[in-house]
N, C-alpha and C. Protein backbone atom coordinates (compact mmCIF):
# COMPACT_ATOMS: atom_id res chain seq x y z
N MET A 1 -21.88 -16.14 18.47
CA MET A 1 -20.67 -15.85 17.70
C MET A 1 -19.43 -16.36 18.41
N GLY A 2 -18.50 -16.91 17.67
CA GLY A 2 -17.26 -17.38 18.25
C GLY A 2 -16.28 -16.25 18.44
N ARG A 3 -15.18 -16.57 19.05
CA ARG A 3 -14.14 -15.57 19.26
C ARG A 3 -13.52 -15.18 17.93
N GLU A 4 -13.12 -13.91 17.85
CA GLU A 4 -12.47 -13.44 16.62
C GLU A 4 -11.10 -14.10 16.49
N LYS A 5 -10.71 -14.37 15.26
CA LYS A 5 -9.42 -14.98 15.00
C LYS A 5 -8.30 -14.13 15.58
N SER A 6 -7.20 -14.78 15.96
CA SER A 6 -6.01 -14.04 16.37
C SER A 6 -5.47 -13.27 15.19
N GLY A 7 -4.67 -12.25 15.48
CA GLY A 7 -4.06 -11.48 14.41
C GLY A 7 -3.20 -12.33 13.51
N GLU A 8 -2.44 -13.25 14.12
CA GLU A 8 -1.57 -14.13 13.33
C GLU A 8 -2.39 -15.03 12.41
N MET A 9 -3.47 -15.59 12.96
CA MET A 9 -4.30 -16.48 12.14
C MET A 9 -4.99 -15.70 11.02
N ALA A 10 -5.45 -14.50 11.31
CA ALA A 10 -6.09 -13.68 10.28
C ALA A 10 -5.11 -13.39 9.15
N PHE A 11 -3.85 -13.12 9.50
CA PHE A 11 -2.85 -12.86 8.47
C PHE A 11 -2.57 -14.11 7.66
N GLU A 12 -2.43 -15.25 8.32
CA GLU A 12 -2.18 -16.50 7.61
C GLU A 12 -3.32 -16.84 6.66
N GLU A 13 -4.55 -16.61 7.09
CA GLU A 13 -5.70 -16.88 6.23
C GLU A 13 -5.73 -15.92 5.04
N PHE A 14 -5.29 -14.69 5.27
CA PHE A 14 -5.21 -13.74 4.16
C PHE A 14 -4.22 -14.23 3.11
N ILE A 15 -3.04 -14.64 3.55
CA ILE A 15 -2.03 -15.14 2.60
C ILE A 15 -2.55 -16.37 1.86
N SER A 16 -3.19 -17.28 2.59
CA SER A 16 -3.74 -18.47 1.95
C SER A 16 -4.79 -18.08 0.91
N GLY A 17 -5.64 -17.10 1.26
CA GLY A 17 -6.65 -16.64 0.33
C GLY A 17 -6.06 -16.01 -0.91
N MET A 18 -4.98 -15.24 -0.73
CA MET A 18 -4.32 -14.62 -1.88
C MET A 18 -3.72 -15.68 -2.79
N ARG A 19 -3.09 -16.69 -2.22
CA ARG A 19 -2.48 -17.73 -3.04
C ARG A 19 -3.56 -18.50 -3.83
N THR A 20 -4.68 -18.77 -3.17
CA THR A 20 -5.79 -19.42 -3.86
C THR A 20 -6.31 -18.54 -4.99
N LEU A 21 -6.37 -17.24 -4.73
CA LEU A 21 -6.82 -16.31 -5.75
C LEU A 21 -5.90 -16.33 -6.97
N TYR A 22 -4.60 -16.33 -6.74
CA TYR A 22 -3.66 -16.39 -7.86
C TYR A 22 -3.81 -17.67 -8.66
N GLU A 23 -4.16 -18.75 -7.99
CA GLU A 23 -4.35 -20.02 -8.70
C GLU A 23 -5.47 -19.94 -9.73
N LYS A 24 -6.42 -19.03 -9.51
CA LYS A 24 -7.57 -18.91 -10.42
C LYS A 24 -7.21 -18.21 -11.72
N LYS A 25 -6.09 -17.49 -11.73
CA LYS A 25 -5.59 -16.83 -12.94
C LYS A 25 -6.63 -15.90 -13.57
N LEU A 26 -7.23 -15.05 -12.73
CA LEU A 26 -8.18 -14.07 -13.21
C LEU A 26 -7.46 -12.93 -13.93
N THR A 27 -8.18 -12.18 -14.72
CA THR A 27 -7.62 -10.96 -15.30
C THR A 27 -7.45 -9.93 -14.18
N PRO A 28 -6.62 -8.89 -14.39
CA PRO A 28 -6.25 -8.01 -13.28
C PRO A 28 -7.40 -7.37 -12.52
N GLU A 29 -8.39 -6.80 -13.18
CA GLU A 29 -9.42 -6.07 -12.45
C GLU A 29 -10.23 -6.96 -11.51
N PRO A 30 -10.78 -8.09 -11.96
CA PRO A 30 -11.47 -8.95 -11.00
C PRO A 30 -10.54 -9.56 -9.95
N HIS A 31 -9.30 -9.83 -10.33
CA HIS A 31 -8.33 -10.35 -9.36
C HIS A 31 -8.17 -9.38 -8.21
N TRP A 32 -7.94 -8.10 -8.52
CA TRP A 32 -7.66 -7.14 -7.46
C TRP A 32 -8.92 -6.71 -6.71
N GLN A 33 -10.08 -6.87 -7.32
CA GLN A 33 -11.32 -6.66 -6.57
C GLN A 33 -11.47 -7.75 -5.51
N LYS A 34 -11.14 -8.98 -5.86
CA LYS A 34 -11.17 -10.07 -4.88
C LYS A 34 -10.10 -9.87 -3.81
N ALA A 35 -8.92 -9.39 -4.22
CA ALA A 35 -7.86 -9.11 -3.25
C ALA A 35 -8.31 -8.04 -2.26
N LYS A 36 -9.02 -7.04 -2.75
CA LYS A 36 -9.57 -6.00 -1.87
C LYS A 36 -10.47 -6.61 -0.81
N GLU A 37 -11.34 -7.52 -1.21
CA GLU A 37 -12.25 -8.15 -0.27
C GLU A 37 -11.49 -8.95 0.79
N LEU A 38 -10.45 -9.65 0.37
CA LEU A 38 -9.64 -10.40 1.34
C LEU A 38 -8.94 -9.46 2.31
N LEU A 39 -8.39 -8.36 1.79
CA LEU A 39 -7.67 -7.43 2.65
C LEU A 39 -8.62 -6.72 3.61
N GLU A 40 -9.85 -6.46 3.19
CA GLU A 40 -10.83 -5.84 4.09
C GLU A 40 -11.06 -6.72 5.31
N GLN A 41 -11.11 -8.02 5.13
CA GLN A 41 -11.29 -8.91 6.27
C GLN A 41 -10.12 -8.79 7.24
N LEU A 42 -8.90 -8.69 6.71
CA LEU A 42 -7.72 -8.62 7.57
C LEU A 42 -7.67 -7.30 8.32
N VAL A 43 -7.83 -6.18 7.63
CA VAL A 43 -7.66 -4.89 8.31
C VAL A 43 -8.81 -4.59 9.26
N ASN A 44 -9.90 -5.33 9.17
CA ASN A 44 -11.00 -5.16 10.11
C ASN A 44 -10.95 -6.14 11.28
N ASN A 45 -9.90 -6.96 11.32
CA ASN A 45 -9.73 -7.88 12.45
C ASN A 45 -9.15 -7.12 13.64
N ARG A 46 -9.88 -7.07 14.74
CA ARG A 46 -9.45 -6.26 15.89
C ARG A 46 -8.14 -6.75 16.48
N ASN A 47 -7.94 -8.05 16.49
CA ASN A 47 -6.70 -8.58 17.06
C ASN A 47 -5.50 -8.23 16.19
N PHE A 48 -5.69 -8.24 14.88
CA PHE A 48 -4.59 -7.82 14.00
C PHE A 48 -4.28 -6.34 14.21
N LYS A 49 -5.32 -5.53 14.32
CA LYS A 49 -5.11 -4.11 14.57
C LYS A 49 -4.32 -3.89 15.85
N GLU A 50 -4.65 -4.62 16.90
CA GLU A 50 -3.93 -4.47 18.17
C GLU A 50 -2.47 -4.86 18.03
N MET A 51 -2.17 -5.84 17.17
CA MET A 51 -0.77 -6.21 16.93
C MET A 51 0.01 -5.04 16.36
N THR A 52 -0.64 -4.27 15.50
CA THR A 52 0.07 -3.18 14.83
C THR A 52 0.25 -1.95 15.72
N ASP A 53 -0.44 -1.92 16.86
CA ASP A 53 -0.34 -0.75 17.74
C ASP A 53 1.09 -0.53 18.23
N SER A 54 1.87 -1.59 18.31
CA SER A 54 3.25 -1.47 18.80
C SER A 54 4.27 -1.33 17.68
N TRP A 55 3.83 -1.35 16.42
CA TRP A 55 4.79 -1.22 15.32
C TRP A 55 5.43 0.16 15.35
N PRO A 56 6.73 0.24 15.15
CA PRO A 56 7.41 1.54 15.20
C PRO A 56 7.10 2.40 13.97
N THR A 57 7.07 3.70 14.19
CA THR A 57 6.89 4.61 13.06
C THR A 57 8.02 4.42 12.07
N GLY A 58 7.66 4.39 10.79
CA GLY A 58 8.66 4.10 9.77
C GLY A 58 8.60 5.07 8.61
N ASP A 59 8.53 6.36 8.88
CA ASP A 59 8.51 7.33 7.79
C ASP A 59 9.75 7.15 6.92
N GLY A 60 9.53 7.05 5.62
CA GLY A 60 10.62 6.80 4.69
C GLY A 60 10.95 5.33 4.52
N LYS A 61 10.20 4.46 5.23
CA LYS A 61 10.45 3.02 5.16
C LYS A 61 9.15 2.28 4.85
N GLN A 62 9.28 1.13 4.22
CA GLN A 62 8.16 0.21 4.14
C GLN A 62 8.63 -1.13 4.69
N TYR A 63 7.83 -1.67 5.58
CA TYR A 63 8.17 -2.90 6.27
C TYR A 63 7.73 -4.10 5.42
N VAL A 64 8.68 -4.92 5.04
CA VAL A 64 8.39 -6.08 4.19
C VAL A 64 7.96 -7.23 5.10
N ILE A 65 6.67 -7.51 5.11
CA ILE A 65 6.13 -8.53 6.00
C ILE A 65 6.09 -9.90 5.32
N TYR A 66 5.78 -9.91 4.04
CA TYR A 66 5.66 -11.19 3.33
C TYR A 66 5.94 -10.98 1.85
N GLU A 67 6.71 -11.89 1.26
CA GLU A 67 6.92 -11.95 -0.18
C GLU A 67 6.62 -13.37 -0.64
N ASP A 68 5.73 -13.51 -1.57
CA ASP A 68 5.32 -14.85 -1.97
C ASP A 68 6.34 -15.49 -2.90
N PRO A 69 6.78 -16.71 -2.58
CA PRO A 69 7.83 -17.34 -3.38
C PRO A 69 7.36 -17.84 -4.74
N ASP A 70 6.06 -17.99 -4.92
CA ASP A 70 5.54 -18.55 -6.17
C ASP A 70 4.90 -17.50 -7.08
N TYR A 71 4.15 -16.59 -6.48
CA TYR A 71 3.37 -15.64 -7.28
C TYR A 71 3.94 -14.22 -7.25
N GLY A 72 4.89 -13.96 -6.38
CA GLY A 72 5.60 -12.70 -6.40
C GLY A 72 4.92 -11.53 -5.71
N PHE A 73 3.69 -11.71 -5.23
CA PHE A 73 3.05 -10.59 -4.55
C PHE A 73 3.72 -10.35 -3.20
N VAL A 74 3.60 -9.13 -2.71
CA VAL A 74 4.28 -8.75 -1.48
C VAL A 74 3.32 -7.99 -0.58
N VAL A 75 3.47 -8.17 0.73
CA VAL A 75 2.70 -7.43 1.71
C VAL A 75 3.65 -6.53 2.48
N ASP A 76 3.46 -5.23 2.35
CA ASP A 76 4.28 -4.24 3.04
C ASP A 76 3.45 -3.54 4.10
N GLY A 77 4.08 -3.25 5.24
CA GLY A 77 3.46 -2.43 6.27
C GLY A 77 4.00 -1.02 6.21
N LEU A 78 3.14 -0.05 6.39
CA LEU A 78 3.52 1.36 6.39
C LEU A 78 2.97 1.99 7.66
N VAL A 79 3.86 2.59 8.46
CA VAL A 79 3.46 3.24 9.71
C VAL A 79 3.80 4.71 9.59
N ARG A 80 2.78 5.54 9.48
CA ARG A 80 2.96 6.96 9.25
C ARG A 80 2.93 7.72 10.57
N GLY A 81 3.90 8.61 10.76
CA GLY A 81 3.85 9.53 11.89
C GLY A 81 2.91 10.68 11.61
N HIS A 82 2.86 11.62 12.53
CA HIS A 82 1.97 12.76 12.37
C HIS A 82 2.40 13.63 11.18
N TYR A 83 1.43 14.16 10.49
CA TYR A 83 1.63 15.10 9.38
C TYR A 83 2.53 14.52 8.28
N HIS A 84 2.29 13.27 7.96
CA HIS A 84 2.96 12.67 6.81
C HIS A 84 2.29 13.16 5.53
N ALA A 85 3.07 13.45 4.52
CA ALA A 85 2.51 13.84 3.22
C ALA A 85 3.43 13.33 2.12
N ALA A 86 2.96 12.37 1.36
CA ALA A 86 3.75 11.82 0.25
C ALA A 86 3.65 12.75 -0.95
N VAL A 87 4.72 12.80 -1.73
CA VAL A 87 4.68 13.52 -3.00
C VAL A 87 3.82 12.72 -3.97
N ALA A 88 3.17 13.39 -4.91
CA ALA A 88 2.36 12.68 -5.90
C ALA A 88 3.25 11.69 -6.66
N HIS A 89 2.75 10.48 -6.82
CA HIS A 89 3.57 9.43 -7.42
C HIS A 89 2.68 8.36 -8.04
N ASP A 90 3.30 7.48 -8.82
CA ASP A 90 2.61 6.28 -9.28
C ASP A 90 3.40 5.05 -8.82
N HIS A 91 2.84 3.89 -9.08
CA HIS A 91 3.51 2.62 -8.77
C HIS A 91 3.94 1.91 -10.05
N ALA A 92 4.14 2.71 -11.10
CA ALA A 92 4.53 2.16 -12.41
C ALA A 92 3.49 1.13 -12.87
N HIS A 93 3.93 -0.03 -13.32
CA HIS A 93 3.05 -1.01 -13.94
C HIS A 93 2.35 -1.93 -12.95
N THR A 94 2.58 -1.73 -11.65
CA THR A 94 2.07 -2.67 -10.65
C THR A 94 0.68 -2.31 -10.15
N TRP A 95 0.01 -3.31 -9.58
CA TRP A 95 -1.27 -3.13 -8.91
C TRP A 95 -1.04 -3.14 -7.40
N THR A 96 -1.88 -2.38 -6.68
CA THR A 96 -1.78 -2.32 -5.22
C THR A 96 -3.18 -2.32 -4.60
N ALA A 97 -3.35 -3.12 -3.55
CA ALA A 97 -4.51 -2.99 -2.66
C ALA A 97 -3.98 -2.35 -1.37
N TYR A 98 -4.55 -1.21 -0.99
CA TYR A 98 -4.02 -0.39 0.10
C TYR A 98 -5.07 -0.31 1.20
N GLY A 99 -4.79 -0.94 2.34
CA GLY A 99 -5.77 -1.02 3.42
C GLY A 99 -5.32 -0.28 4.66
N ILE A 100 -6.22 0.51 5.25
CA ILE A 100 -5.92 1.25 6.47
C ILE A 100 -6.26 0.36 7.67
N VAL A 101 -5.27 0.10 8.50
CA VAL A 101 -5.46 -0.74 9.69
C VAL A 101 -5.91 0.11 10.87
N SER A 102 -5.26 1.25 11.09
CA SER A 102 -5.63 2.14 12.18
C SER A 102 -5.36 3.57 11.78
N GLY A 103 -6.02 4.51 12.46
CA GLY A 103 -5.91 5.91 12.10
C GLY A 103 -6.67 6.19 10.81
N TRP A 104 -6.24 7.19 10.09
CA TRP A 104 -6.86 7.51 8.80
C TRP A 104 -5.83 8.20 7.91
N GLU A 105 -6.07 8.14 6.61
CA GLU A 105 -5.26 8.86 5.65
C GLU A 105 -6.15 9.48 4.59
N ARG A 106 -5.68 10.57 4.04
CA ARG A 106 -6.37 11.18 2.90
C ARG A 106 -5.72 10.66 1.62
N MET A 107 -6.54 10.07 0.75
CA MET A 107 -6.07 9.61 -0.55
C MET A 107 -6.49 10.63 -1.60
N THR A 108 -5.52 11.24 -2.25
CA THR A 108 -5.78 12.24 -3.27
C THR A 108 -5.30 11.71 -4.61
N ARG A 109 -6.16 11.80 -5.61
CA ARG A 109 -5.84 11.25 -6.93
C ARG A 109 -5.81 12.35 -7.97
N TYR A 110 -4.94 12.15 -8.96
CA TYR A 110 -4.77 13.11 -10.05
C TYR A 110 -4.79 12.37 -11.38
N VAL A 111 -4.99 13.13 -12.45
CA VAL A 111 -4.86 12.60 -13.80
C VAL A 111 -4.03 13.58 -14.61
N ARG A 112 -3.21 13.07 -15.50
CA ARG A 112 -2.44 13.94 -16.38
C ARG A 112 -3.36 14.52 -17.45
N THR A 113 -3.22 15.83 -17.69
CA THR A 113 -4.00 16.48 -18.74
C THR A 113 -3.16 16.81 -19.96
N ASP A 114 -1.83 16.65 -19.86
CA ASP A 114 -0.99 16.83 -21.04
C ASP A 114 -0.94 15.52 -21.82
N ASP A 115 -0.25 15.54 -22.94
CA ASP A 115 -0.23 14.34 -23.78
C ASP A 115 0.83 13.32 -23.38
N GLY A 116 1.61 13.63 -22.33
CA GLY A 116 2.61 12.68 -21.84
C GLY A 116 3.86 12.59 -22.66
N SER A 117 4.00 13.47 -23.64
CA SER A 117 5.17 13.37 -24.53
C SER A 117 6.44 13.90 -23.90
N ASP A 118 6.31 14.75 -22.87
CA ASP A 118 7.47 15.30 -22.18
C ASP A 118 7.71 14.47 -20.92
N SER A 119 8.80 13.74 -20.89
CA SER A 119 9.08 12.86 -19.75
C SER A 119 9.52 13.63 -18.51
N GLU A 120 9.78 14.93 -18.65
CA GLU A 120 10.30 15.70 -17.53
C GLU A 120 9.29 16.67 -16.94
N ARG A 121 8.12 16.83 -17.58
CA ARG A 121 7.10 17.74 -17.07
C ARG A 121 5.72 17.12 -17.28
N ALA A 122 4.79 17.51 -16.38
CA ALA A 122 3.43 17.00 -16.49
C ALA A 122 2.45 18.04 -15.94
N ASP A 123 1.28 18.09 -16.54
CA ASP A 123 0.17 18.90 -16.02
C ASP A 123 -0.82 17.94 -15.37
N LEU A 124 -1.12 18.19 -14.09
CA LEU A 124 -2.03 17.32 -13.35
C LEU A 124 -3.33 18.03 -13.03
N GLU A 125 -4.40 17.26 -13.01
CA GLU A 125 -5.71 17.77 -12.59
C GLU A 125 -6.21 16.92 -11.44
N LEU A 126 -6.73 17.57 -10.40
CA LEU A 126 -7.27 16.86 -9.25
C LEU A 126 -8.51 16.07 -9.66
N VAL A 127 -8.54 14.80 -9.27
CA VAL A 127 -9.70 13.94 -9.55
C VAL A 127 -10.55 13.77 -8.30
N SER A 128 -9.92 13.46 -7.18
CA SER A 128 -10.66 13.24 -5.93
C SER A 128 -9.72 13.38 -4.75
N SER A 129 -10.31 13.66 -3.60
CA SER A 129 -9.54 13.74 -2.35
C SER A 129 -10.46 13.27 -1.23
N GLU A 130 -10.20 12.08 -0.71
CA GLU A 130 -11.12 11.44 0.22
C GLU A 130 -10.40 10.94 1.46
N ILE A 131 -11.08 11.04 2.60
CA ILE A 131 -10.57 10.47 3.84
C ILE A 131 -10.84 8.97 3.84
N CYS A 132 -9.81 8.18 4.07
CA CYS A 132 -9.94 6.72 4.18
C CYS A 132 -9.76 6.34 5.64
N GLU A 133 -10.83 5.90 6.26
CA GLU A 133 -10.81 5.53 7.67
C GLU A 133 -10.26 4.12 7.84
N ALA A 134 -9.94 3.78 9.09
CA ALA A 134 -9.49 2.43 9.40
C ALA A 134 -10.53 1.42 8.93
N GLY A 135 -10.05 0.35 8.33
CA GLY A 135 -10.93 -0.70 7.83
C GLY A 135 -11.27 -0.59 6.36
N THR A 136 -10.87 0.51 5.73
CA THR A 136 -11.16 0.68 4.30
C THR A 136 -9.98 0.24 3.45
N VAL A 137 -10.27 -0.20 2.24
CA VAL A 137 -9.25 -0.66 1.30
C VAL A 137 -9.47 0.03 -0.04
N ASP A 138 -8.40 0.52 -0.62
CA ASP A 138 -8.45 1.19 -1.91
C ASP A 138 -7.61 0.39 -2.91
N ILE A 139 -8.03 0.37 -4.16
CA ILE A 139 -7.26 -0.27 -5.22
C ILE A 139 -6.54 0.80 -6.02
N ILE A 140 -5.23 0.62 -6.22
CA ILE A 140 -4.42 1.56 -6.99
C ILE A 140 -3.94 0.84 -8.24
N PRO A 141 -4.54 1.14 -9.39
CA PRO A 141 -4.14 0.47 -10.63
C PRO A 141 -2.79 0.97 -11.14
N PRO A 142 -2.23 0.30 -12.13
CA PRO A 142 -0.98 0.77 -12.73
C PRO A 142 -1.09 2.22 -13.22
N TRP A 143 -0.02 2.97 -12.98
CA TRP A 143 0.15 4.34 -13.45
C TRP A 143 -0.81 5.33 -12.81
N ASP A 144 -1.58 4.92 -11.81
CA ASP A 144 -2.48 5.82 -11.09
C ASP A 144 -1.66 6.82 -10.29
N ILE A 145 -1.91 8.11 -10.46
CA ILE A 145 -1.15 9.16 -9.77
C ILE A 145 -1.91 9.54 -8.50
N HIS A 146 -1.24 9.49 -7.37
CA HIS A 146 -1.94 9.69 -6.10
C HIS A 146 -0.97 10.15 -5.02
N THR A 147 -1.52 10.60 -3.91
CA THR A 147 -0.75 10.89 -2.71
C THR A 147 -1.51 10.35 -1.51
N GLU A 148 -0.76 10.09 -0.43
CA GLU A 148 -1.39 9.78 0.85
C GLU A 148 -0.88 10.80 1.86
N SER A 149 -1.76 11.24 2.76
CA SER A 149 -1.35 12.20 3.78
C SER A 149 -2.22 12.02 5.02
N ASN A 150 -1.73 12.50 6.13
CA ASN A 150 -2.53 12.53 7.34
C ASN A 150 -2.26 13.84 8.07
N GLU A 151 -2.85 13.99 9.24
CA GLU A 151 -2.64 15.20 10.03
C GLU A 151 -2.06 14.80 11.38
N ASP A 152 -2.69 15.23 12.46
CA ASP A 152 -2.13 14.95 13.79
C ASP A 152 -2.58 13.58 14.27
N ASN A 153 -2.21 12.56 13.52
CA ASN A 153 -2.59 11.20 13.89
C ASN A 153 -1.59 10.20 13.33
N ARG A 154 -1.47 9.11 14.03
CA ARG A 154 -0.67 7.98 13.54
C ARG A 154 -1.56 7.13 12.64
N ALA A 155 -1.00 6.61 11.56
CA ALA A 155 -1.77 5.76 10.65
C ALA A 155 -0.94 4.54 10.29
N VAL A 156 -1.57 3.38 10.31
CA VAL A 156 -0.94 2.12 9.89
C VAL A 156 -1.69 1.59 8.69
N ALA A 157 -0.95 1.22 7.65
CA ALA A 157 -1.57 0.69 6.44
C ALA A 157 -0.82 -0.55 5.97
N LEU A 158 -1.52 -1.39 5.23
CA LEU A 158 -0.92 -2.53 4.54
C LEU A 158 -1.04 -2.29 3.04
N SER A 159 0.07 -2.47 2.33
CA SER A 159 0.08 -2.43 0.87
C SER A 159 0.33 -3.83 0.35
N VAL A 160 -0.64 -4.35 -0.37
CA VAL A 160 -0.48 -5.64 -1.03
C VAL A 160 -0.20 -5.34 -2.49
N ARG A 161 0.99 -5.68 -2.95
CA ARG A 161 1.45 -5.27 -4.27
C ARG A 161 1.63 -6.50 -5.17
N SER A 162 1.43 -6.27 -6.45
CA SER A 162 1.58 -7.38 -7.40
C SER A 162 3.02 -7.84 -7.52
N GLU A 163 3.97 -6.97 -7.18
CA GLU A 163 5.37 -7.36 -7.12
C GLU A 163 6.12 -6.36 -6.25
N THR A 164 7.32 -6.73 -5.87
CA THR A 164 8.15 -5.89 -5.02
C THR A 164 8.58 -4.63 -5.75
N LEU A 165 8.42 -3.50 -5.08
CA LEU A 165 8.94 -2.24 -5.61
C LEU A 165 10.44 -2.15 -5.34
N GLY A 166 11.08 -1.19 -6.00
CA GLY A 166 12.48 -0.92 -5.72
C GLY A 166 13.45 -1.36 -6.79
N HIS A 167 12.99 -2.17 -7.75
CA HIS A 167 13.89 -2.61 -8.81
C HIS A 167 13.48 -2.04 -10.17
N PHE A 168 12.60 -1.04 -10.16
CA PHE A 168 12.21 -0.33 -11.38
C PHE A 168 11.81 1.09 -10.98
N ASP A 169 11.81 1.99 -11.95
CA ASP A 169 11.50 3.39 -11.68
C ASP A 169 10.01 3.61 -11.49
N GLN A 170 9.70 4.49 -10.52
CA GLN A 170 8.36 5.03 -10.35
C GLN A 170 8.43 6.53 -10.60
N ASN A 171 7.38 7.08 -11.15
CA ASN A 171 7.33 8.52 -11.39
C ASN A 171 6.89 9.27 -10.14
N ILE A 172 7.51 10.42 -9.91
CA ILE A 172 7.02 11.36 -8.91
C ILE A 172 6.75 12.68 -9.62
N PHE A 173 5.71 13.36 -9.15
CA PHE A 173 5.22 14.56 -9.81
C PHE A 173 5.30 15.72 -8.81
N LEU A 174 6.22 16.64 -9.06
CA LEU A 174 6.47 17.74 -8.14
C LEU A 174 5.49 18.88 -8.37
N GLU A 175 5.33 19.72 -7.34
CA GLU A 175 4.33 20.78 -7.41
C GLU A 175 4.62 21.79 -8.51
N ASP A 176 5.89 21.94 -8.89
CA ASP A 176 6.22 22.91 -9.94
C ASP A 176 6.07 22.32 -11.35
N GLY A 177 5.53 21.10 -11.45
CA GLY A 177 5.28 20.49 -12.75
C GLY A 177 6.36 19.56 -13.23
N ARG A 178 7.48 19.52 -12.52
CA ARG A 178 8.55 18.62 -12.94
C ARG A 178 8.19 17.17 -12.62
N VAL A 179 8.71 16.27 -13.45
CA VAL A 179 8.55 14.84 -13.24
C VAL A 179 9.93 14.24 -13.01
N SER A 180 10.04 13.39 -11.99
CA SER A 180 11.29 12.71 -11.72
C SER A 180 10.97 11.24 -11.45
N THR A 181 11.98 10.47 -11.11
CA THR A 181 11.76 9.06 -10.80
C THR A 181 12.43 8.69 -9.49
N ILE A 182 11.88 7.67 -8.84
CA ILE A 182 12.44 7.13 -7.62
C ILE A 182 12.40 5.61 -7.72
N ARG A 183 13.06 4.96 -6.79
CA ARG A 183 13.00 3.50 -6.70
C ARG A 183 12.26 3.06 -5.43
N GLY A 184 11.41 3.93 -4.91
CA GLY A 184 10.59 3.57 -3.77
C GLY A 184 11.25 3.85 -2.44
N LEU A 185 10.53 3.51 -1.37
CA LEU A 185 11.00 3.71 -0.01
C LEU A 185 12.05 2.66 0.35
N THR A 186 12.77 2.93 1.42
CA THR A 186 13.70 1.94 1.96
C THR A 186 12.91 0.73 2.46
N ARG A 187 13.29 -0.45 2.03
CA ARG A 187 12.57 -1.66 2.39
C ARG A 187 13.29 -2.38 3.53
N VAL A 188 12.53 -2.70 4.56
CA VAL A 188 13.08 -3.28 5.78
C VAL A 188 12.32 -4.55 6.10
N GLY A 189 13.03 -5.66 6.29
CA GLY A 189 12.39 -6.89 6.70
C GLY A 189 11.72 -6.72 8.05
N PHE A 190 10.53 -7.32 8.22
CA PHE A 190 9.70 -7.01 9.37
C PHE A 190 8.84 -8.21 9.72
N ALA A 191 8.72 -8.48 11.02
CA ALA A 191 7.86 -9.56 11.49
C ALA A 191 6.57 -8.97 12.07
N LEU A 192 5.53 -9.77 12.14
CA LEU A 192 4.25 -9.28 12.63
C LEU A 192 4.32 -8.75 14.06
N ASP A 193 5.26 -9.26 14.85
CA ASP A 193 5.38 -8.78 16.23
C ASP A 193 6.13 -7.45 16.33
N GLY A 194 6.49 -6.88 15.19
CA GLY A 194 7.17 -5.59 15.20
C GLY A 194 8.68 -5.67 15.20
N THR A 195 9.22 -6.87 15.07
CA THR A 195 10.67 -7.05 15.07
C THR A 195 11.24 -6.71 13.69
N LEU A 196 12.21 -5.81 13.65
CA LEU A 196 12.91 -5.52 12.41
C LEU A 196 13.90 -6.64 12.15
N THR A 197 13.95 -7.12 10.90
CA THR A 197 14.87 -8.21 10.59
C THR A 197 16.04 -7.72 9.76
N GLN A 198 15.82 -7.40 8.49
CA GLN A 198 16.94 -6.97 7.67
C GLN A 198 16.49 -5.93 6.66
N ALA A 199 17.41 -5.08 6.25
CA ALA A 199 17.13 -4.09 5.22
C ALA A 199 17.30 -4.72 3.86
N ASP A 200 16.53 -4.23 2.90
CA ASP A 200 16.62 -4.68 1.51
C ASP A 200 16.98 -3.47 0.67
N THR A 201 18.17 -3.43 0.16
CA THR A 201 18.61 -2.23 -0.56
C THR A 201 18.06 -2.21 -1.96
């Protein structure tokens, strides 16, 4: 066996693979299944994982690592501190491949049981709650209601999104049944070496 690719090379090959995938113009479900397979290769690269060990904790932030100029997909880094717990939310109409690079997170999914006619309230039912270990990738379809959380551990994840968040509303679902909207986390320009570049309001 040869030496494992460097973290930088693994990331470049992932981007190249994603661009090739977009060229095929698949329908969403097979497209994002292939994207999952590509992301699994990246998050399981030991050298890439070691690169992320020095990334600063960014609770409340998502690090914008790459935005594609032609196809619009974006790669965001998320570095969770201890006892992070996101409120239940969706990603609106977008698709996401969510890969754990290091640590672990619990992915909890819900489904609405009301008819959706009230934009300010919702009844949710628990669908699943699973531990996602490092190296695993989950697909989050449009309007999927979910949360991510961890305990006494640091977790690093990559979110590969069909488009940049922050310029449209996402729903959040509060424990008391209220529904509100957000425009996502604070977006910060970020390099693979952990250098912060610029904020994106």
